[in-house]
Amino acid sequence: MLRGIALMKKNRPQPIGYLNEQRRTFRMGNLIKSTLTIVGLSAVLSGCVLAPQTIELNETVEVPKANAEVQRGALIRVVDNRESIIAGDETRDYLGSRGGRLSERSPLLAQDELANILSLRLQDSIAQLGFGGTSPIDPVRVEMLINKFAYSCNDGFLVTSCSVKMRLGVTLMNGDTTFTKPYGLTETRRVAAAPVKEYNEKWVNDVMDRLWEYIFSDPELRGYLGV
């Protein structure tokens, strides 16, 4: 009787160190994935920090004309009285923060020191009212205090709200008499994302122009100046 003979194939032994190498490769793969995850997360987080912006503020604006001709000189002075400037915490061209993550790294700046810009603006406005040049009469003195000029947006990963706040104090001195009055304007807007430079430039200038018109349309101020 013929018997079937079953042939059994012997398994080859795995090379020494094969499993260790495989484990090493697996661990290395996980390490690379973890590293890439950390790098990717860091990139996302750093991308949320908004870049600084510098906007151009208008140095001139049209104001309501004088009702009477004025032939008299004027001395102009603008003082930056903002708390952060007096304390030395911010530079004099600082207008506020764009918000977002690490908002202190995302300032909104003007093209020059704010007091210099408003000095040119105030000088031009007073000239439009007829003041300037030489006159035998003592010049009227015009002083403006920048008590607040603040642009701000919310902190966090998503900017959804921004505001512009301006507080200016105007003092007029004519001989022994003095006229002093505060003026201010605040506007808040909802936004879909952090505003770009062009948006901020137009908005801040628009708020400042409206405040300026309010100041130089004030009957009390114009009456004191005789215009």
N, C-alpha and C. Protein backbone atom coordinates (compact mmCIF):
# COMPACT_ATOMS: atom_id res chain seq x y z
N MET A 1 0.86 -1.18 0.00
CA MET A 1 0.00 0.00 0.00
C MET A 1 0.89 1.22 0.00
N LEU A 2 0.50 2.12 -0.89
CA LEU A 2 1.29 3.35 -0.95
C LEU A 2 0.76 4.34 0.06
N ARG A 3 1.59 4.90 0.75
CA ARG A 3 1.19 5.93 1.72
C ARG A 3 1.60 7.31 1.21
N GLY A 4 0.62 8.24 1.43
CA GLY A 4 0.97 9.62 1.04
C GLY A 4 1.95 10.21 2.03
N ILE A 5 2.86 10.83 1.48
CA ILE A 5 3.88 11.47 2.33
C ILE A 5 3.65 12.98 2.29
N ALA A 6 3.35 13.53 3.41
CA ALA A 6 3.12 14.99 3.49
C ALA A 6 4.46 15.68 3.69
N LEU A 7 4.71 16.59 2.78
CA LEU A 7 5.95 17.37 2.88
C LEU A 7 5.67 18.67 3.63
N MET A 8 6.36 18.94 4.63
CA MET A 8 6.17 20.17 5.41
C MET A 8 7.31 21.13 5.13
N LYS A 9 6.89 22.37 4.84
CA LYS A 9 7.89 23.40 4.50
C LYS A 9 8.29 24.12 5.78
N LYS A 10 9.53 24.13 6.00
CA LYS A 10 10.02 24.80 7.20
C LYS A 10 10.05 26.32 7.00
N ASN A 11 9.57 27.00 8.05
CA ASN A 11 9.65 28.48 7.99
C ASN A 11 11.06 28.92 8.27
N ARG A 12 11.49 29.88 7.44
CA ARG A 12 12.84 30.41 7.66
C ARG A 12 12.84 31.31 8.89
N PRO A 13 13.83 31.18 9.68
CA PRO A 13 13.91 32.06 10.86
C PRO A 13 14.13 33.51 10.41
N GLN A 14 13.45 34.46 11.10
CA GLN A 14 13.62 35.87 10.75
C GLN A 14 15.02 36.32 11.14
N PRO A 15 15.53 37.21 10.36
CA PRO A 15 16.88 37.71 10.68
C PRO A 15 16.90 38.31 12.06
N ILE A 16 18.00 38.12 12.71
CA ILE A 16 18.16 38.68 14.05
C ILE A 16 18.04 40.19 13.98
N GLY A 17 17.26 40.78 14.87
CA GLY A 17 17.12 42.23 14.92
C GLY A 17 16.02 42.77 14.04
N TYR A 18 15.29 41.90 13.32
CA TYR A 18 14.25 42.36 12.39
C TYR A 18 13.12 43.05 13.15
N LEU A 19 12.64 42.40 14.24
CA LEU A 19 11.55 42.99 15.00
C LEU A 19 11.95 44.30 15.66
N ASN A 20 13.17 44.33 16.16
CA ASN A 20 13.65 45.57 16.77
C ASN A 20 13.69 46.71 15.76
N GLU A 21 14.13 46.37 14.54
CA GLU A 21 14.22 47.38 13.48
C GLU A 21 12.83 47.87 13.10
N GLN A 22 11.88 46.91 13.08
CA GLN A 22 10.50 47.26 12.72
C GLN A 22 9.91 48.19 13.78
N ARG A 23 10.17 47.84 15.04
CA ARG A 23 9.67 48.69 16.12
C ARG A 23 10.28 50.09 16.05
N ARG A 24 11.58 50.11 15.72
CA ARG A 24 12.28 51.39 15.62
C ARG A 24 11.68 52.26 14.51
N THR A 25 11.39 51.60 13.37
CA THR A 25 10.80 52.31 12.23
C THR A 25 9.42 52.85 12.58
N PHE A 26 8.65 52.03 13.31
CA PHE A 26 7.30 52.43 13.70
C PHE A 26 7.35 53.64 14.64
N ARG A 27 8.28 53.56 15.61
CA ARG A 27 8.42 54.67 16.54
C ARG A 27 8.88 55.94 15.83
N MET A 28 9.80 55.78 14.90
CA MET A 28 10.30 56.94 14.15
C MET A 28 9.17 57.59 13.35
N GLY A 29 8.32 56.73 12.76
CA GLY A 29 7.18 57.26 11.99
C GLY A 29 6.25 58.06 12.86
N ASN A 30 5.97 57.54 14.06
CA ASN A 30 5.10 58.27 14.99
C ASN A 30 5.73 59.59 15.43
N LEU A 31 7.07 59.55 15.64
CA LEU A 31 7.77 60.75 16.05
C LEU A 31 7.69 61.82 14.97
N ILE A 32 7.87 61.40 13.70
CA ILE A 32 7.80 62.35 12.59
C ILE A 32 6.40 62.95 12.49
N LYS A 33 5.38 62.08 12.65
CA LYS A 33 4.00 62.57 12.60
C LYS A 33 3.74 63.58 13.72
N SER A 34 4.25 63.27 14.93
CA SER A 34 4.04 64.18 16.05
C SER A 34 4.73 65.52 15.81
N THR A 35 5.96 65.42 15.27
CA THR A 35 6.71 66.65 14.97
C THR A 35 5.99 67.50 13.95
N LEU A 36 5.49 66.84 12.88
CA LEU A 36 4.76 67.57 11.85
C LEU A 36 3.49 68.20 12.41
N THR A 37 2.84 67.48 13.32
CA THR A 37 1.62 68.02 13.95
C THR A 37 1.93 69.27 14.75
N ILE A 38 3.02 69.21 15.53
CA ILE A 38 3.42 70.36 16.34
C ILE A 38 3.79 71.54 15.46
N VAL A 39 4.57 71.28 14.40
CA VAL A 39 4.97 72.35 13.48
C VAL A 39 3.75 72.96 12.82
N GLY A 40 2.82 72.10 12.39
CA GLY A 40 1.60 72.59 11.75
C GLY A 40 0.77 73.43 12.69
N LEU A 41 0.65 72.98 13.95
CA LEU A 41 -0.11 73.72 14.94
C LEU A 41 0.54 75.06 15.24
N SER A 42 1.87 75.06 15.33
CA SER A 42 2.58 76.31 15.57
C SER A 42 2.35 77.30 14.44
N ALA A 43 2.34 76.78 13.21
CA ALA A 43 2.12 77.66 12.05
C ALA A 43 0.74 78.27 12.09
N VAL A 44 -0.24 77.46 12.50
CA VAL A 44 -1.61 77.97 12.59
C VAL A 44 -1.72 79.05 13.66
N LEU A 45 -1.12 78.75 14.83
CA LEU A 45 -1.19 79.71 15.92
C LEU A 45 -0.46 81.00 15.59
N SER A 46 0.73 80.90 15.00
CA SER A 46 1.48 82.10 14.65
C SER A 46 0.78 82.89 13.56
N GLY A 47 0.02 82.22 12.72
CA GLY A 47 -0.69 82.90 11.66
C GLY A 47 -1.82 83.76 12.18
N CYS A 48 -2.25 83.54 13.44
CA CYS A 48 -3.33 84.32 14.03
C CYS A 48 -2.84 85.65 14.58
N VAL A 49 -1.53 85.85 14.68
CA VAL A 49 -0.99 87.12 15.15
C VAL A 49 -1.02 88.11 13.99
N LEU A 50 -1.80 89.17 14.13
CA LEU A 50 -1.97 90.13 13.05
C LEU A 50 -0.75 91.03 12.91
N ALA A 51 -0.39 91.33 11.69
CA ALA A 51 0.76 92.18 11.42
C ALA A 51 0.45 93.63 11.78
N PRO A 52 1.45 94.41 12.18
CA PRO A 52 1.24 95.84 12.42
C PRO A 52 0.78 96.55 11.14
N GLN A 53 0.01 97.61 11.31
CA GLN A 53 -0.45 98.42 10.18
C GLN A 53 -0.09 99.88 10.41
N THR A 54 0.29 100.57 9.33
CA THR A 54 0.51 102.01 9.38
C THR A 54 -0.44 102.67 8.40
N ILE A 55 -1.27 103.58 8.89
CA ILE A 55 -2.25 104.24 8.04
C ILE A 55 -1.91 105.72 7.91
N GLU A 56 -2.42 106.34 6.85
CA GLU A 56 -2.20 107.76 6.58
C GLU A 56 -3.39 108.55 7.09
N LEU A 57 -3.14 109.42 8.07
CA LEU A 57 -4.20 110.29 8.57
C LEU A 57 -4.20 111.60 7.78
N ASN A 58 -5.39 112.09 7.48
CA ASN A 58 -5.51 113.34 6.72
C ASN A 58 -4.99 114.52 7.53
N GLU A 59 -4.12 115.31 6.92
CA GLU A 59 -3.55 116.48 7.59
C GLU A 59 -4.34 117.74 7.31
N THR A 60 -5.30 117.67 6.40
CA THR A 60 -6.18 118.80 6.11
C THR A 60 -7.61 118.30 5.96
N VAL A 61 -8.55 119.18 6.22
CA VAL A 61 -9.96 118.86 6.03
C VAL A 61 -10.70 120.19 5.90
N GLU A 62 -11.74 120.21 5.11
CA GLU A 62 -12.51 121.44 4.92
C GLU A 62 -13.43 121.66 6.12
N VAL A 63 -13.41 122.88 6.65
CA VAL A 63 -14.28 123.24 7.78
C VAL A 63 -15.25 124.32 7.33
N PRO A 64 -16.37 124.50 8.04
CA PRO A 64 -17.34 125.55 7.68
C PRO A 64 -16.67 126.92 7.61
N LYS A 65 -16.99 127.67 6.58
CA LYS A 65 -16.35 128.96 6.37
C LYS A 65 -16.76 129.97 7.44
N ALA A 66 -15.92 130.99 7.59
CA ALA A 66 -16.21 132.05 8.55
C ALA A 66 -17.31 132.96 8.02
N ASN A 67 -18.16 133.44 8.92
CA ASN A 67 -19.22 134.37 8.53
C ASN A 67 -18.73 135.80 8.45
N ALA A 68 -17.59 136.07 9.07
CA ALA A 68 -17.02 137.42 9.04
C ALA A 68 -15.53 137.31 8.77
N GLU A 69 -14.99 138.35 8.14
CA GLU A 69 -13.57 138.34 7.80
C GLU A 69 -12.74 138.60 9.06
N VAL A 70 -11.74 137.78 9.23
CA VAL A 70 -10.87 137.91 10.40
C VAL A 70 -9.45 138.19 9.93
N GLN A 71 -8.87 139.24 10.46
CA GLN A 71 -7.47 139.55 10.14
C GLN A 71 -6.69 139.57 11.45
N ARG A 72 -6.24 138.40 11.80
CA ARG A 72 -5.58 138.26 13.09
C ARG A 72 -4.72 137.01 13.08
N GLY A 73 -3.62 137.06 13.80
CA GLY A 73 -2.75 135.90 13.88
C GLY A 73 -3.27 134.88 14.88
N ALA A 74 -2.67 133.70 14.86
CA ALA A 74 -3.07 132.63 15.78
C ALA A 74 -1.85 131.79 16.13
N LEU A 75 -1.76 131.43 17.39
CA LEU A 75 -0.70 130.54 17.86
C LEU A 75 -1.32 129.17 18.14
N ILE A 76 -0.75 128.15 17.53
CA ILE A 76 -1.32 126.80 17.60
C ILE A 76 -0.44 125.90 18.47
N ARG A 77 -1.08 125.11 19.30
CA ARG A 77 -0.35 124.14 20.12
C ARG A 77 -1.20 122.90 20.30
N VAL A 78 -0.61 121.73 20.04
CA VAL A 78 -1.29 120.45 20.24
C VAL A 78 -0.46 119.61 21.22
N VAL A 79 -1.10 119.10 22.24
CA VAL A 79 -0.42 118.31 23.27
C VAL A 79 -1.02 116.91 23.31
N ASP A 80 -0.15 115.91 23.22
CA ASP A 80 -0.60 114.52 23.31
C ASP A 80 -0.72 114.15 24.78
N ASN A 81 -1.94 114.11 25.26
CA ASN A 81 -2.21 113.90 26.68
C ASN A 81 -2.69 112.48 26.98
N ARG A 82 -2.50 111.55 26.05
CA ARG A 82 -2.94 110.17 26.27
C ARG A 82 -2.12 109.51 27.38
N GLU A 83 -2.79 108.75 28.23
CA GLU A 83 -2.12 108.15 29.39
C GLU A 83 -0.96 107.25 28.98
N SER A 84 -1.16 106.44 27.94
CA SER A 84 -0.11 105.50 27.53
C SER A 84 1.12 106.23 27.00
N ILE A 85 0.90 107.41 26.41
CA ILE A 85 2.02 108.19 25.88
C ILE A 85 2.77 108.87 27.01
N ILE A 86 2.02 109.44 27.95
CA ILE A 86 2.64 110.09 29.10
C ILE A 86 3.46 109.09 29.90
N ALA A 87 2.94 107.88 30.05
CA ALA A 87 3.64 106.83 30.81
C ALA A 87 4.81 106.25 30.04
N GLY A 88 4.90 106.54 28.75
CA GLY A 88 5.98 106.00 27.94
C GLY A 88 5.77 104.57 27.50
N ASP A 89 4.53 104.08 27.61
CA ASP A 89 4.25 102.69 27.24
C ASP A 89 4.17 102.50 25.73
N GLU A 90 3.81 103.54 25.00
CA GLU A 90 3.65 103.44 23.55
C GLU A 90 4.39 104.57 22.86
N THR A 91 4.66 104.38 21.56
CA THR A 91 5.29 105.42 20.77
C THR A 91 4.23 106.46 20.39
N ARG A 92 4.66 107.65 20.01
CA ARG A 92 3.74 108.76 19.78
C ARG A 92 2.96 108.64 18.48
N ASP A 93 3.30 107.66 17.66
CA ASP A 93 2.52 107.41 16.44
C ASP A 93 1.49 106.30 16.66
N TYR A 94 1.38 105.82 17.89
CA TYR A 94 0.49 104.70 18.22
C TYR A 94 -0.97 105.15 18.22
N LEU A 95 -1.81 104.38 17.53
CA LEU A 95 -3.25 104.68 17.48
C LEU A 95 -4.08 103.63 18.20
N GLY A 96 -3.54 102.44 18.40
CA GLY A 96 -4.30 101.38 19.05
C GLY A 96 -3.83 100.01 18.63
N SER A 97 -4.68 99.01 18.89
CA SER A 97 -4.34 97.62 18.58
C SER A 97 -5.36 97.01 17.64
N ARG A 98 -4.87 96.15 16.74
CA ARG A 98 -5.75 95.45 15.80
C ARG A 98 -6.43 94.24 16.45
N GLY A 99 -6.08 93.95 17.69
CA GLY A 99 -6.70 92.83 18.38
C GLY A 99 -6.12 91.49 17.94
N GLY A 100 -6.94 90.43 18.05
CA GLY A 100 -6.48 89.10 17.68
C GLY A 100 -5.63 88.48 18.77
N ARG A 101 -4.90 87.43 18.40
CA ARG A 101 -4.02 86.74 19.34
C ARG A 101 -2.76 87.57 19.55
N LEU A 102 -2.33 87.72 20.80
CA LEU A 102 -1.18 88.54 21.15
C LEU A 102 -1.35 89.95 20.57
N SER A 103 -2.43 90.60 20.96
CA SER A 103 -2.80 91.90 20.38
C SER A 103 -1.74 92.97 20.59
N GLU A 104 -0.91 92.81 21.63
CA GLU A 104 0.14 93.80 21.86
C GLU A 104 1.18 93.81 20.75
N ARG A 105 1.21 92.76 19.93
CA ARG A 105 2.14 92.70 18.81
C ARG A 105 1.51 93.20 17.50
N SER A 106 0.29 93.68 17.59
CA SER A 106 -0.44 94.07 16.37
C SER A 106 -0.92 95.52 16.46
N PRO A 107 0.01 96.48 16.53
CA PRO A 107 -0.41 97.87 16.68
C PRO A 107 -0.92 98.48 15.38
N LEU A 108 -1.76 99.50 15.54
CA LEU A 108 -2.15 100.36 14.42
C LEU A 108 -1.43 101.68 14.62
N LEU A 109 -0.66 102.10 13.63
CA LEU A 109 0.20 103.28 13.75
C LEU A 109 -0.18 104.33 12.71
N ALA A 110 0.16 105.59 13.01
CA ALA A 110 0.00 106.68 12.05
C ALA A 110 1.32 106.90 11.33
N GLN A 111 1.27 107.67 10.25
CA GLN A 111 2.48 107.90 9.45
C GLN A 111 3.49 108.80 10.16
N ASP A 112 3.06 109.48 11.23
CA ASP A 112 3.92 110.39 11.98
C ASP A 112 3.38 110.46 13.40
N GLU A 113 4.06 111.20 14.25
CA GLU A 113 3.53 111.40 15.60
C GLU A 113 2.16 112.05 15.50
N LEU A 114 1.22 111.57 16.29
CA LEU A 114 -0.16 112.05 16.20
C LEU A 114 -0.25 113.55 16.46
N ALA A 115 0.51 114.06 17.41
CA ALA A 115 0.48 115.49 17.71
C ALA A 115 0.93 116.32 16.52
N ASN A 116 1.92 115.84 15.78
CA ASN A 116 2.39 116.57 14.60
C ASN A 116 1.31 116.63 13.53
N ILE A 117 0.61 115.50 13.33
CA ILE A 117 -0.45 115.44 12.32
C ILE A 117 -1.58 116.39 12.67
N LEU A 118 -2.01 116.36 13.93
CA LEU A 118 -3.12 117.23 14.34
C LEU A 118 -2.71 118.69 14.40
N SER A 119 -1.43 118.97 14.61
CA SER A 119 -0.94 120.36 14.57
C SER A 119 -1.11 120.94 13.17
N LEU A 120 -0.70 120.17 12.16
CA LEU A 120 -0.87 120.61 10.77
C LEU A 120 -2.35 120.77 10.43
N ARG A 121 -3.14 119.86 10.89
CA ARG A 121 -4.58 119.88 10.63
C ARG A 121 -5.24 121.09 11.30
N LEU A 122 -4.88 121.34 12.55
CA LEU A 122 -5.45 122.47 13.29
C LEU A 122 -5.02 123.80 12.69
N GLN A 123 -3.76 123.88 12.31
CA GLN A 123 -3.25 125.11 11.69
C GLN A 123 -4.00 125.42 10.40
N ASP A 124 -4.23 124.39 9.59
CA ASP A 124 -4.95 124.57 8.33
C ASP A 124 -6.40 124.99 8.58
N SER A 125 -7.03 124.40 9.57
CA SER A 125 -8.43 124.72 9.87
C SER A 125 -8.58 126.16 10.37
N ILE A 126 -7.67 126.58 11.24
CA ILE A 126 -7.72 127.96 11.75
C ILE A 126 -7.47 128.95 10.62
N ALA A 127 -6.58 128.59 9.69
CA ALA A 127 -6.31 129.46 8.54
C ALA A 127 -7.56 129.58 7.66
N GLN A 128 -8.32 128.49 7.52
CA GLN A 128 -9.55 128.55 6.73
C GLN A 128 -10.57 129.50 7.35
N LEU A 129 -10.48 129.71 8.67
CA LEU A 129 -11.38 130.64 9.34
C LEU A 129 -10.91 132.08 9.23
N GLY A 130 -9.76 132.28 8.60
CA GLY A 130 -9.27 133.64 8.36
C GLY A 130 -8.14 134.08 9.26
N PHE A 131 -7.69 133.22 10.15
CA PHE A 131 -6.60 133.58 11.04
C PHE A 131 -5.26 133.31 10.37
N GLY A 132 -4.26 134.13 10.72
CA GLY A 132 -2.93 133.94 10.16
C GLY A 132 -2.37 135.26 9.67
N GLY A 133 -1.10 135.25 9.38
CA GLY A 133 -0.47 136.48 8.90
C GLY A 133 -0.13 137.41 10.05
N THR A 134 0.17 138.65 9.70
CA THR A 134 0.57 139.65 10.70
C THR A 134 -0.61 140.56 11.02
N SER A 135 -0.64 141.01 12.26
CA SER A 135 -1.71 141.90 12.70
C SER A 135 -1.24 142.64 13.94
N PRO A 136 -1.66 143.90 14.10
CA PRO A 136 -1.29 144.64 15.31
C PRO A 136 -1.97 144.09 16.57
N ILE A 137 -3.02 143.31 16.37
CA ILE A 137 -3.74 142.71 17.50
C ILE A 137 -3.00 141.45 17.95
N ASP A 138 -2.95 141.25 19.25
CA ASP A 138 -2.31 140.03 19.77
C ASP A 138 -2.99 138.79 19.19
N PRO A 139 -2.22 137.78 18.85
CA PRO A 139 -2.81 136.58 18.26
C PRO A 139 -3.68 135.81 19.26
N VAL A 140 -4.69 135.16 18.75
CA VAL A 140 -5.48 134.26 19.58
C VAL A 140 -4.70 132.97 19.74
N ARG A 141 -4.75 132.39 20.92
CA ARG A 141 -4.01 131.15 21.17
C ARG A 141 -4.99 129.98 21.17
N VAL A 142 -4.61 128.95 20.42
CA VAL A 142 -5.47 127.77 20.26
C VAL A 142 -4.69 126.54 20.72
N GLU A 143 -5.21 125.88 21.73
CA GLU A 143 -4.55 124.68 22.25
C GLU A 143 -5.51 123.49 22.16
N MET A 144 -4.99 122.37 21.69
CA MET A 144 -5.79 121.14 21.61
C MET A 144 -5.10 120.04 22.40
N LEU A 145 -5.84 119.40 23.29
CA LEU A 145 -5.34 118.27 24.06
C LEU A 145 -5.89 116.98 23.46
N ILE A 146 -5.00 116.04 23.17
CA ILE A 146 -5.41 114.72 22.72
C ILE A 146 -5.57 113.85 23.96
N ASN A 147 -6.78 113.80 24.48
CA ASN A 147 -7.02 113.02 25.70
C ASN A 147 -7.22 111.54 25.40
N LYS A 148 -7.78 111.24 24.25
CA LYS A 148 -7.95 109.84 23.82
C LYS A 148 -8.01 109.80 22.31
N PHE A 149 -7.29 108.86 21.75
CA PHE A 149 -7.34 108.58 20.31
C PHE A 149 -7.03 107.10 20.20
N ALA A 150 -8.08 106.29 20.31
CA ALA A 150 -7.87 104.85 20.48
C ALA A 150 -8.66 104.02 19.49
N TYR A 151 -7.93 103.22 18.73
CA TYR A 151 -8.53 102.20 17.87
C TYR A 151 -8.33 100.87 18.59
N SER A 152 -9.36 100.04 18.63
CA SER A 152 -9.21 98.75 19.32
C SER A 152 -10.13 97.71 18.72
N CYS A 153 -9.68 96.45 18.78
CA CYS A 153 -10.48 95.29 18.36
C CYS A 153 -10.37 94.23 19.44
N ASN A 154 -11.29 93.29 19.44
CA ASN A 154 -11.30 92.27 20.49
C ASN A 154 -10.11 91.32 20.36
N ASP A 155 -9.68 90.78 21.50
CA ASP A 155 -8.63 89.76 21.51
C ASP A 155 -9.23 88.41 21.11
N GLY A 156 -8.34 87.44 20.81
CA GLY A 156 -8.79 86.10 20.47
C GLY A 156 -8.43 85.71 19.06
N PHE A 157 -8.82 84.49 18.68
CA PHE A 157 -8.46 83.96 17.37
C PHE A 157 -9.26 84.60 16.24
N LEU A 158 -10.45 85.13 16.56
CA LEU A 158 -11.30 85.71 15.53
C LEU A 158 -11.71 87.12 15.94
N VAL A 159 -11.36 88.10 15.12
CA VAL A 159 -11.74 89.49 15.38
C VAL A 159 -13.13 89.73 14.82
N THR A 160 -14.04 90.15 15.68
CA THR A 160 -15.44 90.36 15.26
C THR A 160 -15.96 91.76 15.58
N SER A 161 -15.22 92.52 16.39
CA SER A 161 -15.70 93.85 16.78
C SER A 161 -14.54 94.81 16.94
N CYS A 162 -14.70 96.02 16.39
CA CYS A 162 -13.67 97.06 16.50
C CYS A 162 -14.33 98.39 16.85
N SER A 163 -13.57 99.27 17.47
CA SER A 163 -14.11 100.58 17.83
C SER A 163 -13.06 101.66 17.68
N VAL A 164 -13.53 102.88 17.47
CA VAL A 164 -12.68 104.07 17.40
C VAL A 164 -13.22 105.08 18.41
N LYS A 165 -12.36 105.52 19.32
CA LYS A 165 -12.76 106.50 20.34
C LYS A 165 -11.81 107.69 20.30
N MET A 166 -12.39 108.88 20.22
CA MET A 166 -11.59 110.11 20.19
C MET A 166 -12.14 111.10 21.21
N ARG A 167 -11.25 111.67 22.01
CA ARG A 167 -11.60 112.71 22.97
C ARG A 167 -10.56 113.83 22.84
N LEU A 168 -11.03 114.99 22.40
CA LEU A 168 -10.15 116.14 22.21
C LEU A 168 -10.65 117.30 23.07
N GLY A 169 -9.72 117.99 23.71
CA GLY A 169 -10.07 119.18 24.47
C GLY A 169 -9.54 120.41 23.76
N VAL A 170 -10.39 121.41 23.56
CA VAL A 170 -9.99 122.63 22.86
C VAL A 170 -10.04 123.81 23.83
N THR A 171 -8.96 124.56 23.88
CA THR A 171 -8.88 125.77 24.71
C THR A 171 -8.49 126.95 23.83
N LEU A 172 -9.29 128.01 23.88
CA LEU A 172 -9.00 129.24 23.15
C LEU A 172 -8.71 130.34 24.16
N MET A 173 -7.65 131.11 23.92
CA MET A 173 -7.27 132.19 24.83
C MET A 173 -7.18 133.49 24.04
N ASN A 174 -7.98 134.45 24.46
CA ASN A 174 -8.03 135.75 23.81
C ASN A 174 -7.91 136.82 24.88
N GLY A 175 -6.70 137.36 25.01
CA GLY A 175 -6.47 138.33 26.07
C GLY A 175 -6.61 137.68 27.43
N ASP A 176 -7.50 138.24 28.25
CA ASP A 176 -7.70 137.72 29.60
C ASP A 176 -8.83 136.69 29.68
N THR A 177 -9.44 136.38 28.55
CA THR A 177 -10.56 135.44 28.56
C THR A 177 -10.13 134.08 28.00
N THR A 178 -10.84 133.05 28.45
CA THR A 178 -10.52 131.68 28.02
C THR A 178 -11.80 130.91 27.73
N PHE A 179 -11.75 130.14 26.66
CA PHE A 179 -12.86 129.25 26.31
C PHE A 179 -12.31 127.83 26.29
N THR A 180 -12.93 126.93 27.04
CA THR A 180 -12.49 125.53 27.09
C THR A 180 -13.70 124.61 26.93
N LYS A 181 -13.54 123.60 26.08
CA LYS A 181 -14.65 122.67 25.88
C LYS A 181 -14.12 121.32 25.39
N PRO A 182 -14.65 120.22 25.93
CA PRO A 182 -14.26 118.88 25.44
C PRO A 182 -15.15 118.44 24.29
N TYR A 183 -14.58 117.67 23.39
CA TYR A 183 -15.32 117.12 22.26
C TYR A 183 -14.95 115.65 22.12
N GLY A 184 -15.90 114.84 21.72
CA GLY A 184 -15.60 113.41 21.57
C GLY A 184 -16.55 112.71 20.63
N LEU A 185 -16.09 111.56 20.16
CA LEU A 185 -16.89 110.73 19.26
C LEU A 185 -16.43 109.29 19.40
N THR A 186 -17.38 108.37 19.48
CA THR A 186 -17.09 106.94 19.57
C THR A 186 -17.93 106.19 18.56
N GLU A 187 -17.30 105.24 17.87
CA GLU A 187 -18.04 104.42 16.91
C GLU A 187 -17.54 102.98 17.01
N THR A 188 -18.48 102.05 17.04
CA THR A 188 -18.16 100.62 17.10
C THR A 188 -18.78 99.91 15.92
N ARG A 189 -18.05 98.98 15.34
CA ARG A 189 -18.54 98.23 14.19
C ARG A 189 -18.31 96.73 14.40
N ARG A 190 -19.26 95.94 13.90
CA ARG A 190 -19.09 94.49 13.81
C ARG A 190 -18.37 94.18 12.51
N VAL A 191 -17.40 93.28 12.56
CA VAL A 191 -16.63 92.93 11.37
C VAL A 191 -16.57 91.41 11.23
N ALA A 192 -16.39 90.95 9.99
CA ALA A 192 -16.29 89.52 9.73
C ALA A 192 -14.89 89.00 9.99
N ALA A 193 -13.91 89.89 9.90
CA ALA A 193 -12.50 89.53 10.13
C ALA A 193 -11.75 90.82 10.45
N ALA A 194 -10.49 90.68 10.86
CA ALA A 194 -9.69 91.86 11.17
C ALA A 194 -9.61 92.77 9.95
N PRO A 195 -10.00 94.04 10.08
CA PRO A 195 -10.01 94.95 8.93
C PRO A 195 -8.63 95.15 8.31
N VAL A 196 -8.60 95.27 6.99
CA VAL A 196 -7.36 95.52 6.27
C VAL A 196 -6.99 97.00 6.39
N LYS A 197 -5.80 97.34 5.93
CA LYS A 197 -5.28 98.70 6.06
C LYS A 197 -6.21 99.74 5.44
N GLU A 198 -6.68 99.48 4.22
CA GLU A 198 -7.52 100.46 3.52
C GLU A 198 -8.81 100.74 4.29
N TYR A 199 -9.37 99.70 4.86
CA TYR A 199 -10.61 99.85 5.64
C TYR A 199 -10.34 100.72 6.87
N ASN A 200 -9.29 100.39 7.61
CA ASN A 200 -8.96 101.15 8.82
C ASN A 200 -8.64 102.60 8.51
N GLU A 201 -7.89 102.81 7.45
CA GLU A 201 -7.51 104.17 7.06
C GLU A 201 -8.74 105.03 6.77
N LYS A 202 -9.66 104.48 6.00
CA LYS A 202 -10.88 105.21 5.65
C LYS A 202 -11.75 105.44 6.88
N TRP A 203 -11.87 104.43 7.72
CA TRP A 203 -12.73 104.53 8.89
C TRP A 203 -12.21 105.55 9.90
N VAL A 204 -10.93 105.45 10.26
CA VAL A 204 -10.37 106.36 11.25
C VAL A 204 -10.43 107.80 10.74
N ASN A 205 -10.11 108.01 9.47
CA ASN A 205 -10.19 109.36 8.90
C ASN A 205 -11.62 109.88 8.89
N ASP A 206 -12.57 109.00 8.61
CA ASP A 206 -13.97 109.41 8.58
C ASP A 206 -14.44 109.85 9.96
N VAL A 207 -14.09 109.09 11.00
CA VAL A 207 -14.47 109.47 12.36
C VAL A 207 -13.81 110.79 12.75
N MET A 208 -12.53 110.95 12.42
CA MET A 208 -11.82 112.17 12.76
C MET A 208 -12.40 113.37 12.01
N ASP A 209 -12.76 113.20 10.75
CA ASP A 209 -13.35 114.30 9.96
C ASP A 209 -14.68 114.73 10.55
N ARG A 210 -15.49 113.77 10.97
CA ARG A 210 -16.80 114.11 11.55
C ARG A 210 -16.65 114.83 12.89
N LEU A 211 -15.67 114.38 13.69
CA LEU A 211 -15.42 115.06 14.96
C LEU A 211 -14.92 116.48 14.70
N TRP A 212 -14.06 116.62 13.72
CA TRP A 212 -13.50 117.93 13.38
C TRP A 212 -14.61 118.89 12.92
N GLU A 213 -15.51 118.38 12.10
CA GLU A 213 -16.63 119.21 11.63
C GLU A 213 -17.51 119.63 12.80
N TYR A 214 -17.70 118.72 13.74
CA TYR A 214 -18.51 119.03 14.93
C TYR A 214 -17.84 120.13 15.75
N ILE A 215 -16.53 120.06 15.91
CA ILE A 215 -15.80 121.08 16.67
C ILE A 215 -15.95 122.45 16.02
N PHE A 216 -15.66 122.52 14.72
CA PHE A 216 -15.63 123.82 14.05
C PHE A 216 -16.99 124.30 13.58
N SER A 217 -18.03 123.51 13.86
CA SER A 217 -19.40 123.96 13.64
C SER A 217 -20.05 124.40 14.94
N ASP A 218 -19.36 124.19 16.06
CA ASP A 218 -19.91 124.52 17.37
C ASP A 218 -20.16 126.03 17.48
N PRO A 219 -21.39 126.45 17.68
CA PRO A 219 -21.70 127.89 17.76
C PRO A 219 -20.93 128.59 18.88
N GLU A 220 -20.70 127.92 20.00
CA GLU A 220 -19.98 128.54 21.11
C GLU A 220 -18.53 128.83 20.72
N LEU A 221 -17.89 127.86 20.09
CA LEU A 221 -16.50 128.05 19.67
C LEU A 221 -16.40 129.14 18.61
N ARG A 222 -17.28 129.10 17.63
CA ARG A 222 -17.24 130.09 16.56
C ARG A 222 -17.58 131.49 17.10
N GLY A 223 -18.49 131.54 18.06
CA GLY A 223 -18.83 132.83 18.65
C GLY A 223 -17.65 133.44 19.39
N TYR A 224 -16.90 132.59 20.10
CA TYR A 224 -15.73 133.10 20.83
C TYR A 224 -14.68 133.62 19.86
N LEU A 225 -14.52 132.93 18.73
CA LEU A 225 -13.53 133.35 17.73
C LEU A 225 -14.02 134.52 16.88
N GLY A 226 -15.31 134.79 16.96
CA GLY A 226 -15.87 135.88 16.17
C GLY A 226 -16.01 135.56 14.71
N VAL A 227 -16.28 134.29 14.41
CA VAL A 227 -16.43 133.89 13.01
C VAL A 227 -17.84 133.34 12.76
